[in-house]
Amino acid sequence: MKIKNVHLLILLASLWGPSFLFIKIAVIEIPPIMLAALRIGIAAVILNALLILKKERLPRDMGFWRKTFIAGLFAQAIPFVLINWGEQFVDSSLASILNGLMPLFTIIFAHFIIVEERLTRHKFLGVAMGFVGLIVLVMPNLMNGVAGSTLGIFSITIAAVSYGIGLSYIRKHFSNTPSFKAPAAQLLSVTIYLVPMAFIINPAFSLAEVSLPALSSLFILSFFGTAIAFIVYFKLIERSSAGYASLVTYLMPIYGVILGVVFLGEEVSVWMILGASLILLGIRTTRKGSHVKRPHFGVRMDAALYSKFR
């Protein structure tokens, strides 16, 4: 294990892990769909500007853009909005744990979408552990009848489902696309329809009325948690593998929980610790018996690519 790869892995977790804290701050003043639209739009401008500086162009094939639209819808637009909405009702620390379900849902949908990605015994056992962990997380709310929190948990869980669909679709249809172009195209395609939709739904919204903490959170989410995280992620997989890069899944909840407790005064319950442990153990179990391959783009997208944004 090269020490530079370890540094890149820690840096990636440092970019993605705090996203849930900044979402929690920003969504107080910025509506969920507007926060997603602005975050994606700013990141799209940054990544596409980098493509221009590299003197590269996006494909003009309509089939590519049709697939990009579908991928962006499930891997970015839907989950970003749902996570933002859900964090209005649950702590950022819990949201970071629930986001960890994404690799498990990806395994489930990949089984049906990709012939080479059938469920194995270890994968099935790992997925089962993950869902038991989800039940453990939801149990206190169900017993206490906290409707708002339960809806928040449900929203973020559906976001993980959407990620699973989107990433499985990406692995099937973008295996031969240069790594940097596909995410740049997806961010751009989502921006085209999500930004107008956000202003139609929230016509009275004005950034001039948003406080500095919320604006700062939006900038951090866009620049560091989305655009820069892409660059670090692809650098890491170029130096190592998709399997190694996916280890970031274990680090993100640690950041999410610690930051939520320190800066927002959130509480960590026994239920959360037990549920998170089962989810992480489930992810670990799904990796048993798997062989690490040198990645092309389709494989790279499996490594929890978009959990970093939330």
C-alpha atoms as a PDB file:
ATOM      1  CA  MET A   1       0.000   0.000   0.000  1.00  0.00           C
ATOM      2  CA  LYS A   2       1.627   3.216  -1.154  1.00  0.00           C
ATOM      3  CA  ILE A   3       1.606   6.039   1.358  1.00  0.00           C
ATOM      4  CA  LYS A   4       0.544   8.539  -1.339  1.00  0.00           C
ATOM      5  CA  ASN A   5      -2.569   6.457  -2.025  1.00  0.00           C
ATOM      6  CA  VAL A   6      -3.394   6.482   1.686  1.00  0.00           C
ATOM      7  CA  HIS A   7      -3.095  10.266   1.685  1.00  0.00           C
ATOM      8  CA  LEU A   8      -5.391  10.523  -1.340  1.00  0.00           C
ATOM      9  CA  LEU A   9      -7.939   8.216   0.309  1.00  0.00           C
ATOM     10  CA  ILE A  10      -7.973  10.314   3.478  1.00  0.00           C
ATOM     11  CA  LEU A  11      -8.237  13.497   1.407  1.00  0.00           C
ATOM     12  CA  LEU A  12     -11.205  12.075  -0.512  1.00  0.00           C
ATOM     13  CA  ALA A  13     -13.003  11.150   2.704  1.00  0.00           C
ATOM     14  CA  SER A  14     -12.229  14.640   4.019  1.00  0.00           C
ATOM     15  CA  LEU A  15     -13.919  16.144   0.956  1.00  0.00           C
ATOM     16  CA  TRP A  16     -16.989  13.892   0.962  1.00  0.00           C
ATOM     17  CA  GLY A  17     -17.496  13.173   4.655  1.00  0.00           C
ATOM     18  CA  PRO A  18     -18.303  16.743   5.779  1.00  0.00           C
ATOM     19  CA  SER A  19     -20.927  17.173   3.023  1.00  0.00           C
ATOM     20  CA  PHE A  20     -23.740  16.123   5.340  1.00  0.00           C
ATOM     21  CA  LEU A  21     -22.787  18.794   7.867  1.00  0.00           C
ATOM     22  CA  PHE A  22     -22.840  21.543   5.235  1.00  0.00           C
ATOM     23  CA  ILE A  23     -26.121  20.270   3.771  1.00  0.00           C
ATOM     24  CA  LYS A  24     -27.643  20.501   7.243  1.00  0.00           C
ATOM     25  CA  ILE A  25     -26.514  24.133   7.520  1.00  0.00           C
ATOM     26  CA  ALA A  26     -27.477  25.180   3.987  1.00  0.00           C
ATOM     27  CA  VAL A  27     -30.901  23.524   3.785  1.00  0.00           C
ATOM     28  CA  ILE A  28     -32.180  25.681   6.639  1.00  0.00           C
ATOM     29  CA  GLU A  29     -32.263  28.656   4.243  1.00  0.00           C
ATOM     30  CA  ILE A  30     -31.949  27.125   0.764  1.00  0.00           C
ATOM     31  CA  PRO A  31     -34.834  24.869  -0.395  1.00  0.00           C
ATOM     32  CA  PRO A  32     -33.756  21.253  -1.036  1.00  0.00           C
ATOM     33  CA  ILE A  33     -34.213  21.294  -4.816  1.00  0.00           C
ATOM     34  CA  MET A  34     -32.570  24.724  -5.102  1.00  0.00           C
ATOM     35  CA  LEU A  35     -29.593  23.570  -3.046  1.00  0.00           C
ATOM     36  CA  ALA A  36     -29.161  20.533  -5.300  1.00  0.00           C
ATOM     37  CA  ALA A  37     -29.529  22.605  -8.476  1.00  0.00           C
ATOM     38  CA  LEU A  38     -27.039  25.293  -7.452  1.00  0.00           C
ATOM     39  CA  ARG A  39     -24.538  22.776  -6.123  1.00  0.00           C
ATOM     40  CA  ILE A  40     -24.642  20.698  -9.303  1.00  0.00           C
ATOM     41  CA  GLY A  41     -24.645  23.790 -11.523  1.00  0.00           C
ATOM     42  CA  ILE A  42     -21.561  25.316  -9.916  1.00  0.00           C
ATOM     43  CA  ALA A  43     -19.706  21.993 -10.034  1.00  0.00           C
ATOM     44  CA  ALA A  44     -20.713  21.544 -13.689  1.00  0.00           C
ATOM     45  CA  VAL A  45     -19.207  24.905 -14.585  1.00  0.00           C
ATOM     46  CA  ILE A  46     -15.968  24.000 -12.799  1.00  0.00           C
ATOM     47  CA  LEU A  47     -15.550  20.545 -14.375  1.00  0.00           C
ATOM     48  CA  ASN A  48     -16.465  21.676 -17.869  1.00  0.00           C
ATOM     49  CA  ALA A  49     -14.104  24.646 -17.560  1.00  0.00           C
ATOM     50  CA  LEU A  50     -11.350  22.171 -16.702  1.00  0.00           C
ATOM     51  CA  LEU A  51     -12.216  20.165 -19.804  1.00  0.00           C
ATOM     52  CA  ILE A  52     -11.851  23.308 -21.900  1.00  0.00           C
ATOM     53  CA  LEU A  53      -8.490  24.053 -20.308  1.00  0.00           C
ATOM     54  CA  LYS A  54      -7.410  20.507 -21.142  1.00  0.00           C
ATOM     55  CA  LYS A  55      -8.577  21.163 -24.707  1.00  0.00           C
ATOM     56  CA  GLU A  56     -11.021  18.267 -24.589  1.00  0.00           C
ATOM     57  CA  ARG A  57     -14.575  18.197 -25.911  1.00  0.00           C
ATOM     58  CA  LEU A  58     -17.678  16.329 -24.829  1.00  0.00           C
ATOM     59  CA  PRO A  59     -19.153  13.835 -27.315  1.00  0.00           C
ATOM     60  CA  ARG A  60     -21.868  15.174 -29.626  1.00  0.00           C
ATOM     61  CA  ASP A  61     -23.622  11.845 -30.145  1.00  0.00           C
ATOM     62  CA  MET A  62     -27.296  12.088 -29.111  1.00  0.00           C
ATOM     63  CA  GLY A  63     -27.234   8.529 -27.813  1.00  0.00           C
ATOM     64  CA  PHE A  64     -24.493   9.499 -25.390  1.00  0.00           C
ATOM     65  CA  TRP A  65     -26.479  12.479 -24.114  1.00  0.00           C
ATOM     66  CA  ARG A  66     -29.664  10.415 -23.751  1.00  0.00           C
ATOM     67  CA  LYS A  67     -27.806   7.946 -21.561  1.00  0.00           C
ATOM     68  CA  THR A  68     -26.140  10.812 -19.727  1.00  0.00           C
ATOM     69  CA  PHE A  69     -29.562  12.285 -18.940  1.00  0.00           C
ATOM     70  CA  ILE A  70     -30.764   8.991 -17.426  1.00  0.00           C
ATOM     71  CA  ALA A  71     -27.552   8.465 -15.473  1.00  0.00           C
ATOM     72  CA  GLY A  72     -27.568  12.014 -14.111  1.00  0.00           C
ATOM     73  CA  LEU A  73     -31.206  11.752 -13.106  1.00  0.00           C
ATOM     74  CA  PHE A  74     -30.695   8.680 -10.921  1.00  0.00           C
ATOM     75  CA  ALA A  75     -27.093   9.210  -9.803  1.00  0.00           C
ATOM     76  CA  GLN A  76     -27.299  12.925  -9.037  1.00  0.00           C
ATOM     77  CA  ALA A  77     -30.587  14.830  -9.405  1.00  0.00           C
ATOM     78  CA  ILE A  78     -32.902  12.519  -7.440  1.00  0.00           C
ATOM     79  CA  PRO A  79     -30.518  11.558  -4.614  1.00  0.00           C
ATOM     80  CA  PHE A  80     -29.213  15.103  -4.119  1.00  0.00           C
ATOM     81  CA  VAL A  81     -32.735  16.466  -3.710  1.00  0.00           C
ATOM     82  CA  LEU A  82     -33.864  13.598  -1.461  1.00  0.00           C
ATOM     83  CA  ILE A  83     -30.845  13.832   0.837  1.00  0.00           C
ATOM     84  CA  ASN A  84     -31.295  17.594   1.132  1.00  0.00           C
ATOM     85  CA  TRP A  85     -34.986  17.133   1.943  1.00  0.00           C
ATOM     86  CA  GLY A  86     -34.326  14.305   4.389  1.00  0.00           C
ATOM     87  CA  GLU A  87     -31.743  16.287   6.352  1.00  0.00           C
ATOM     88  CA  GLN A  88     -34.475  18.734   7.330  1.00  0.00           C
ATOM     89  CA  PHE A  89     -35.784  15.971   9.616  1.00  0.00           C
ATOM     90  CA  VAL A  90     -32.765  13.877  10.645  1.00  0.00           C
ATOM     91  CA  ASP A  91     -29.311  14.636  12.009  1.00  0.00           C
ATOM     92  CA  SER A  92     -26.430  14.961   9.571  1.00  0.00           C
ATOM     93  CA  SER A  93     -24.639  12.115  11.357  1.00  0.00           C
ATOM     94  CA  LEU A  94     -27.540   9.733  10.722  1.00  0.00           C
ATOM     95  CA  ALA A  95     -27.723  10.878   7.099  1.00  0.00           C
ATOM     96  CA  SER A  96     -24.049   9.996   6.589  1.00  0.00           C
ATOM     97  CA  ILE A  97     -24.695   6.508   7.956  1.00  0.00           C
ATOM     98  CA  LEU A  98     -27.756   5.955   5.762  1.00  0.00           C
ATOM     99  CA  ASN A  99     -25.758   7.079   2.733  1.00  0.00           C
ATOM    100  CA  GLY A 100     -23.516   4.091   3.393  1.00  0.00           C
ATOM    101  CA  LEU A 101     -26.316   1.842   2.106  1.00  0.00           C
ATOM    102  CA  MET A 102     -25.585   2.979  -1.448  1.00  0.00           C
ATOM    103  CA  PRO A 103     -22.992   0.294  -2.321  1.00  0.00           C
ATOM    104  CA  LEU A 104     -25.427  -2.387  -1.149  1.00  0.00           C
ATOM    105  CA  PHE A 105     -28.233  -1.116  -3.377  1.00  0.00           C
ATOM    106  CA  THR A 106     -25.755  -0.897  -6.248  1.00  0.00           C
ATOM    107  CA  ILE A 107     -24.996  -4.586  -5.829  1.00  0.00           C
ATOM    108  CA  ILE A 108     -28.700  -5.445  -5.928  1.00  0.00           C
ATOM    109  CA  PHE A 109     -29.475  -3.513  -9.109  1.00  0.00           C
ATOM    110  CA  ALA A 110     -26.236  -4.559 -10.797  1.00  0.00           C
ATOM    111  CA  HIS A 111     -27.410  -8.164 -10.382  1.00  0.00           C
ATOM    112  CA  PHE A 112     -30.356  -7.451 -12.697  1.00  0.00           C
ATOM    113  CA  ILE A 113     -28.698  -4.945 -15.049  1.00  0.00           C
ATOM    114  CA  ILE A 114     -25.195  -6.340 -15.577  1.00  0.00           C
ATOM    115  CA  VAL A 115     -24.685  -9.991 -16.503  1.00  0.00           C
ATOM    116  CA  GLU A 116     -21.210 -10.152 -14.955  1.00  0.00           C
ATOM    117  CA  GLU A 117     -22.400  -8.767 -11.615  1.00  0.00           C
ATOM    118  CA  ARG A 118     -24.581 -11.555 -10.260  1.00  0.00           C
ATOM    119  CA  LEU A 119     -25.187 -11.892  -6.539  1.00  0.00           C
ATOM    120  CA  THR A 120     -22.796 -14.228  -4.768  1.00  0.00           C
ATOM    121  CA  ARG A 121     -23.214 -15.794  -1.365  1.00  0.00           C
ATOM    122  CA  HIS A 122     -21.044 -13.131   0.255  1.00  0.00           C
ATOM    123  CA  LYS A 123     -22.847 -10.319  -1.541  1.00  0.00           C
ATOM    124  CA  PHE A 124     -26.253 -11.648  -0.501  1.00  0.00           C
ATOM    125  CA  LEU A 125     -25.129 -12.002   3.126  1.00  0.00           C
ATOM    126  CA  GLY A 126     -23.625  -8.498   3.104  1.00  0.00           C
ATOM    127  CA  VAL A 127     -26.791  -6.956   1.673  1.00  0.00           C
ATOM    128  CA  ALA A 128     -28.874  -8.754   4.290  1.00  0.00           C
ATOM    129  CA  MET A 129     -26.660  -7.353   7.067  1.00  0.00           C
ATOM    130  CA  GLY A 130     -27.040  -3.885   5.626  1.00  0.00           C
ATOM    131  CA  PHE A 131     -30.811  -4.056   5.649  1.00  0.00           C
ATOM    132  CA  VAL A 132     -30.820  -5.340   9.207  1.00  0.00           C
ATOM    133  CA  GLY A 133     -28.696  -2.297  10.056  1.00  0.00           C
ATOM    134  CA  LEU A 134     -31.273  -0.060   8.375  1.00  0.00           C
ATOM    135  CA  ILE A 135     -34.061  -1.622  10.447  1.00  0.00           C
ATOM    136  CA  VAL A 136     -32.027  -1.015  13.597  1.00  0.00           C
ATOM    137  CA  LEU A 137     -31.623   2.665  12.647  1.00  0.00           C
ATOM    138  CA  VAL A 138     -35.333   3.114  11.994  1.00  0.00           C
ATOM    139  CA  MET A 139     -36.526   1.127  15.018  1.00  0.00           C
ATOM    140  CA  PRO A 140     -36.356   3.933  17.647  1.00  0.00           C
ATOM    141  CA  ASN A 141     -38.462   6.236  15.442  1.00  0.00           C
ATOM    142  CA  LEU A 142     -41.015   3.523  14.770  1.00  0.00           C
ATOM    143  CA  MET A 143     -41.317   2.768  18.478  1.00  0.00           C
ATOM    144  CA  ASN A 144     -41.597   6.436  19.450  1.00  0.00           C
ATOM    145  CA  GLY A 145     -43.851   7.417  16.553  1.00  0.00           C
ATOM    146  CA  VAL A 146     -41.621  10.234  15.283  1.00  0.00           C
ATOM    147  CA  ALA A 147     -43.159  10.734  11.839  1.00  0.00           C
ATOM    148  CA  GLY A 148     -40.864  13.513  10.635  1.00  0.00           C
ATOM    149  CA  SER A 149     -37.675  11.633  11.443  1.00  0.00           C
ATOM    150  CA  THR A 150     -39.039   8.461   9.880  1.00  0.00           C
ATOM    151  CA  LEU A 151     -39.845  10.323   6.650  1.00  0.00           C
ATOM    152  CA  GLY A 152     -36.343  11.782   6.653  1.00  0.00           C
ATOM    153  CA  ILE A 153     -34.809   8.315   7.015  1.00  0.00           C
ATOM    154  CA  PHE A 154     -37.065   7.014   4.260  1.00  0.00           C
ATOM    155  CA  SER A 155     -36.090   9.898   1.965  1.00  0.00           C
ATOM    156  CA  ILE A 156     -32.348   9.340   2.364  1.00  0.00           C
ATOM    157  CA  THR A 157     -32.799   5.578   1.966  1.00  0.00           C
ATOM    158  CA  ILE A 158     -34.631   6.142  -1.342  1.00  0.00           C
ATOM    159  CA  ALA A 159     -31.713   8.371  -2.336  1.00  0.00           C
ATOM    160  CA  ALA A 160     -29.409   5.391  -1.780  1.00  0.00           C
ATOM    161  CA  VAL A 161     -31.752   3.277  -3.935  1.00  0.00           C
ATOM    162  CA  SER A 162     -31.536   5.893  -6.693  1.00  0.00           C
ATOM    163  CA  TYR A 163     -27.753   5.853  -6.440  1.00  0.00           C
ATOM    164  CA  GLY A 164     -27.833   2.086  -6.848  1.00  0.00           C
ATOM    165  CA  ILE A 165     -29.884   2.343 -10.045  1.00  0.00           C
ATOM    166  CA  GLY A 166     -27.790   5.188 -11.427  1.00  0.00           C
ATOM    167  CA  LEU A 167     -24.394   3.642 -10.764  1.00  0.00           C
ATOM    168  CA  SER A 168     -25.470   0.267 -12.174  1.00  0.00           C
ATOM    169  CA  TYR A 169     -26.691   2.032 -15.309  1.00  0.00           C
ATOM    170  CA  ILE A 170     -23.413   3.952 -15.564  1.00  0.00           C
ATOM    171  CA  ARG A 171     -21.366   0.770 -15.265  1.00  0.00           C
ATOM    172  CA  LYS A 172     -23.301  -0.801 -18.104  1.00  0.00           C
ATOM    173  CA  HIS A 173     -23.403   2.102 -20.553  1.00  0.00           C
ATOM    174  CA  PHE A 174     -20.275   4.197 -19.907  1.00  0.00           C
ATOM    175  CA  SER A 175     -17.545   1.567 -19.749  1.00  0.00           C
ATOM    176  CA  ASN A 176     -15.723   3.004 -22.783  1.00  0.00           C
ATOM    177  CA  THR A 177     -16.145   6.683 -21.959  1.00  0.00           C
ATOM    178  CA  PRO A 178     -13.043   8.620 -20.828  1.00  0.00           C
ATOM    179  CA  SER A 179     -13.361   8.965 -17.069  1.00  0.00           C
ATOM    180  CA  PHE A 180     -13.463  12.742 -16.744  1.00  0.00           C
ATOM    181  CA  LYS A 181     -15.949  13.366 -19.554  1.00  0.00           C
ATOM    182  CA  ALA A 182     -18.873  11.296 -18.267  1.00  0.00           C
ATOM    183  CA  PRO A 183     -19.274  13.024 -14.862  1.00  0.00           C
ATOM    184  CA  ALA A 184     -18.753  16.444 -16.471  1.00  0.00           C
ATOM    185  CA  ALA A 185     -21.476  15.642 -19.014  1.00  0.00           C
ATOM    186  CA  GLN A 186     -23.826  14.303 -16.335  1.00  0.00           C
ATOM    187  CA  LEU A 187     -23.443  17.398 -14.170  1.00  0.00           C
ATOM    188  CA  LEU A 188     -24.083  19.574 -17.209  1.00  0.00           C
ATOM    189  CA  SER A 189     -27.177  17.648 -18.316  1.00  0.00           C
ATOM    190  CA  VAL A 190     -28.660  17.759 -14.817  1.00  0.00           C
ATOM    191  CA  THR A 191     -27.973  21.492 -14.590  1.00  0.00           C
ATOM    192  CA  ILE A 192     -29.896  22.141 -17.806  1.00  0.00           C
ATOM    193  CA  TYR A 193     -33.197  20.890 -16.381  1.00  0.00           C
ATOM    194  CA  LEU A 194     -32.764  21.062 -12.602  1.00  0.00           C
ATOM    195  CA  VAL A 195     -31.832  24.756 -12.317  1.00  0.00           C
ATOM    196  CA  PRO A 196     -34.925  26.017 -14.237  1.00  0.00           C
ATOM    197  CA  MET A 197     -37.106  23.547 -12.312  1.00  0.00           C
ATOM    198  CA  ALA A 198     -35.738  24.814  -8.998  1.00  0.00           C
ATOM    199  CA  PHE A 199     -36.575  28.430  -9.827  1.00  0.00           C
ATOM    200  CA  ILE A 200     -40.047  27.462 -11.088  1.00  0.00           C
ATOM    201  CA  ILE A 201     -40.771  25.678  -7.803  1.00  0.00           C
ATOM    202  CA  ASN A 202     -39.164  28.450  -5.722  1.00  0.00           C
ATOM    203  CA  PRO A 203     -39.776  31.655  -7.748  1.00  0.00           C
ATOM    204  CA  ALA A 204     -39.236  33.963  -4.778  1.00  0.00           C
ATOM    205  CA  PHE A 205     -35.836  32.529  -3.869  1.00  0.00           C
ATOM    206  CA  SER A 206     -32.918  34.966  -3.866  1.00  0.00           C
ATOM    207  CA  LEU A 207     -29.303  34.276  -2.968  1.00  0.00           C
ATOM    208  CA  ALA A 208     -29.095  37.865  -1.714  1.00  0.00           C
ATOM    209  CA  GLU A 209     -31.309  36.885   1.220  1.00  0.00           C
ATOM    210  CA  VAL A 210     -29.213  33.866   2.196  1.00  0.00           C
ATOM    211  CA  SER A 211     -26.859  34.225   5.166  1.00  0.00           C
ATOM    212  CA  LEU A 212     -23.100  33.890   4.895  1.00  0.00           C
ATOM    213  CA  PRO A 213     -22.979  30.478   6.661  1.00  0.00           C
ATOM    214  CA  ALA A 214     -25.499  29.005   4.186  1.00  0.00           C
ATOM    215  CA  LEU A 215     -23.732  30.557   1.183  1.00  0.00           C
ATOM    216  CA  SER A 216     -20.388  29.299   2.438  1.00  0.00           C
ATOM    217  CA  SER A 217     -21.844  25.821   2.855  1.00  0.00           C
ATOM    218  CA  LEU A 218     -23.168  25.915  -0.721  1.00  0.00           C
ATOM    219  CA  PHE A 219     -19.754  26.928  -2.042  1.00  0.00           C
ATOM    220  CA  ILE A 220     -17.978  24.226  -0.042  1.00  0.00           C
ATOM    221  CA  LEU A 221     -20.428  21.574  -1.248  1.00  0.00           C
ATOM    222  CA  SER A 222     -20.031  22.655  -4.879  1.00  0.00           C
ATOM    223  CA  PHE A 223     -16.309  23.302  -5.056  1.00  0.00           C
ATOM    224  CA  PHE A 224     -14.804  20.868  -2.554  1.00  0.00           C
ATOM    225  CA  GLY A 225     -17.523  18.230  -2.049  1.00  0.00           C
ATOM    226  CA  THR A 226     -18.329  17.840  -5.749  1.00  0.00           C
ATOM    227  CA  ALA A 227     -15.858  19.258  -8.286  1.00  0.00           C
ATOM    228  CA  ILE A 228     -12.552  18.834  -6.424  1.00  0.00           C
ATOM    229  CA  ALA A 229     -13.690  15.490  -5.009  1.00  0.00           C
ATOM    230  CA  PHE A 230     -14.083  14.225  -8.595  1.00  0.00           C
ATOM    231  CA  ILE A 231     -10.489  15.161  -9.389  1.00  0.00           C
ATOM    232  CA  VAL A 232      -9.102  13.486  -6.261  1.00  0.00           C
ATOM    233  CA  TYR A 233     -11.261  10.407  -6.819  1.00  0.00           C
ATOM    234  CA  PHE A 234     -10.069   9.811 -10.369  1.00  0.00           C
ATOM    235  CA  LYS A 235      -6.473  10.468  -9.361  1.00  0.00           C
ATOM    236  CA  LEU A 236      -6.817   7.815  -6.677  1.00  0.00           C
ATOM    237  CA  ILE A 237      -8.243   5.173  -8.996  1.00  0.00           C
ATOM    238  CA  GLU A 238      -5.540   5.904 -11.557  1.00  0.00           C
ATOM    239  CA  ARG A 239      -2.922   5.182  -8.903  1.00  0.00           C
ATOM    240  CA  SER A 240      -4.631   2.210  -7.291  1.00  0.00           C
ATOM    241  CA  SER A 241      -7.969   0.560  -8.130  1.00  0.00           C
ATOM    242  CA  ALA A 242     -11.722   0.984  -7.809  1.00  0.00           C
ATOM    243  CA  GLY A 243     -11.738  -1.520  -4.957  1.00  0.00           C
ATOM    244  CA  TYR A 244      -9.198   0.500  -3.012  1.00  0.00           C
ATOM    245  CA  ALA A 245     -11.024   3.760  -3.684  1.00  0.00           C
ATOM    246  CA  SER A 246     -14.255   2.243  -2.387  1.00  0.00           C
ATOM    247  CA  LEU A 247     -12.661   2.033   1.075  1.00  0.00           C
ATOM    248  CA  VAL A 248     -13.743   5.670   1.411  1.00  0.00           C
ATOM    249  CA  THR A 249     -17.192   4.247   2.229  1.00  0.00           C
ATOM    250  CA  TYR A 250     -15.846   3.199   5.630  1.00  0.00           C
ATOM    251  CA  LEU A 251     -14.373   6.615   6.425  1.00  0.00           C
ATOM    252  CA  MET A 252     -17.263   8.896   5.450  1.00  0.00           C
ATOM    253  CA  PRO A 253     -19.658   7.993   8.309  1.00  0.00           C
ATOM    254  CA  ILE A 254     -16.819   8.611  10.771  1.00  0.00           C
ATOM    255  CA  TYR A 255     -16.460  12.168   9.481  1.00  0.00           C
ATOM    256  CA  GLY A 256     -20.223  12.632   9.345  1.00  0.00           C
ATOM    257  CA  VAL A 257     -20.841  11.513  12.911  1.00  0.00           C
ATOM    258  CA  ILE A 258     -17.892  13.363  14.489  1.00  0.00           C
ATOM    259  CA  LEU A 259     -18.635  16.653  12.705  1.00  0.00           C
ATOM    260  CA  GLY A 260     -22.338  16.431  13.538  1.00  0.00           C
ATOM    261  CA  VAL A 261     -21.579  15.911  17.220  1.00  0.00           C
ATOM    262  CA  VAL A 262     -18.865  18.591  17.457  1.00  0.00           C
ATOM    263  CA  PHE A 263     -20.433  21.401  15.412  1.00  0.00           C
ATOM    264  CA  LEU A 264     -24.176  20.747  15.638  1.00  0.00           C
ATOM    265  CA  GLY A 265     -24.430  19.130  19.054  1.00  0.00           C
ATOM    266  CA  GLU A 266     -26.026  15.979  17.651  1.00  0.00           C
ATOM    267  CA  GLU A 267     -26.292  12.908  19.851  1.00  0.00           C
ATOM    268  CA  VAL A 268     -25.057   9.432  19.002  1.00  0.00           C
ATOM    269  CA  SER A 269     -27.291   6.646  20.284  1.00  0.00           C
ATOM    270  CA  VAL A 270     -26.612   2.972  20.789  1.00  0.00           C
ATOM    271  CA  TRP A 271     -29.047   2.276  17.956  1.00  0.00           C
ATOM    272  CA  MET A 272     -26.956   4.404  15.601  1.00  0.00           C
ATOM    273  CA  ILE A 273     -23.715   2.680  16.561  1.00  0.00           C
ATOM    274  CA  LEU A 274     -25.259  -0.772  16.160  1.00  0.00           C
ATOM    275  CA  GLY A 275     -26.967   0.081  12.876  1.00  0.00           C
ATOM    276  CA  ALA A 276     -23.843   1.700  11.414  1.00  0.00           C
ATOM    277  CA  SER A 277     -21.736  -1.280  12.469  1.00  0.00           C
ATOM    278  CA  LEU A 278     -24.083  -3.692  10.701  1.00  0.00           C
ATOM    279  CA  ILE A 279     -24.106  -1.596   7.524  1.00  0.00           C
ATOM    280  CA  LEU A 280     -20.317  -1.302   7.415  1.00  0.00           C
ATOM    281  CA  LEU A 281     -19.934  -5.000   8.201  1.00  0.00           C
ATOM    282  CA  GLY A 282     -22.343  -5.753   5.383  1.00  0.00           C
ATOM    283  CA  ILE A 283     -20.289  -3.673   2.933  1.00  0.00           C
ATOM    284  CA  ARG A 284     -17.151  -5.450   4.110  1.00  0.00           C
ATOM    285  CA  THR A 285     -18.784  -8.847   3.643  1.00  0.00           C
ATOM    286  CA  THR A 286     -19.804  -8.095   0.040  1.00  0.00           C
ATOM    287  CA  ARG A 287     -16.139  -7.540  -0.809  1.00  0.00           C
ATOM    288  CA  LYS A 288     -15.067 -11.015   0.311  1.00  0.00           C
ATOM    289  CA  GLY A 289     -14.129 -13.318  -2.501  1.00  0.00           C
ATOM    290  CA  SER A 290     -14.040 -10.475  -5.040  1.00  0.00           C
ATOM    291  CA  HIS A 291     -11.026  -9.898  -7.248  1.00  0.00           C
ATOM    292  CA  VAL A 292      -9.707  -6.417  -7.803  1.00  0.00           C
ATOM    293  CA  LYS A 293      -9.359  -5.551 -11.487  1.00  0.00           C
ATOM    294  CA  ARG A 294      -7.556  -2.673 -13.064  1.00  0.00           C
ATOM    295  CA  PRO A 295     -10.454  -0.312 -13.655  1.00  0.00           C
ATOM    296  CA  HIS A 296     -11.925   1.142 -16.760  1.00  0.00           C
ATOM    297  CA  PHE A 297     -14.529   3.861 -16.296  1.00  0.00           C
ATOM    298  CA  GLY A 298     -17.476   1.498 -15.851  1.00  0.00           C
ATOM    299  CA  VAL A 299     -15.800  -0.262 -12.933  1.00  0.00           C
ATOM    300  CA  ARG A 300     -14.626   2.970 -11.371  1.00  0.00           C
ATOM    301  CA  MET A 301     -18.145   4.286 -11.025  1.00  0.00           C
ATOM    302  CA  ASP A 302     -18.887   1.424  -8.616  1.00  0.00           C
ATOM    303  CA  ALA A 303     -16.690   2.876  -5.916  1.00  0.00           C
ATOM    304  CA  ALA A 304     -19.307   4.973  -4.110  1.00  0.00           C
ATOM    305  CA  LEU A 305     -18.647   7.773  -6.593  1.00  0.00           C
ATOM    306  CA  TYR A 306     -21.505  10.123  -5.672  1.00  0.00           C
ATOM    307  CA  SER A 307     -21.930   9.553  -1.842  1.00  0.00           C
ATOM    308  CA  LYS A 308     -19.207  12.104  -1.593  1.00  0.00           C
ATOM    309  CA  PHE A 309     -21.484  14.877  -2.718  1.00  0.00           C
ATOM    310  CA  ARG A 310     -24.161  14.836  -0.227  1.00  0.00           C
END
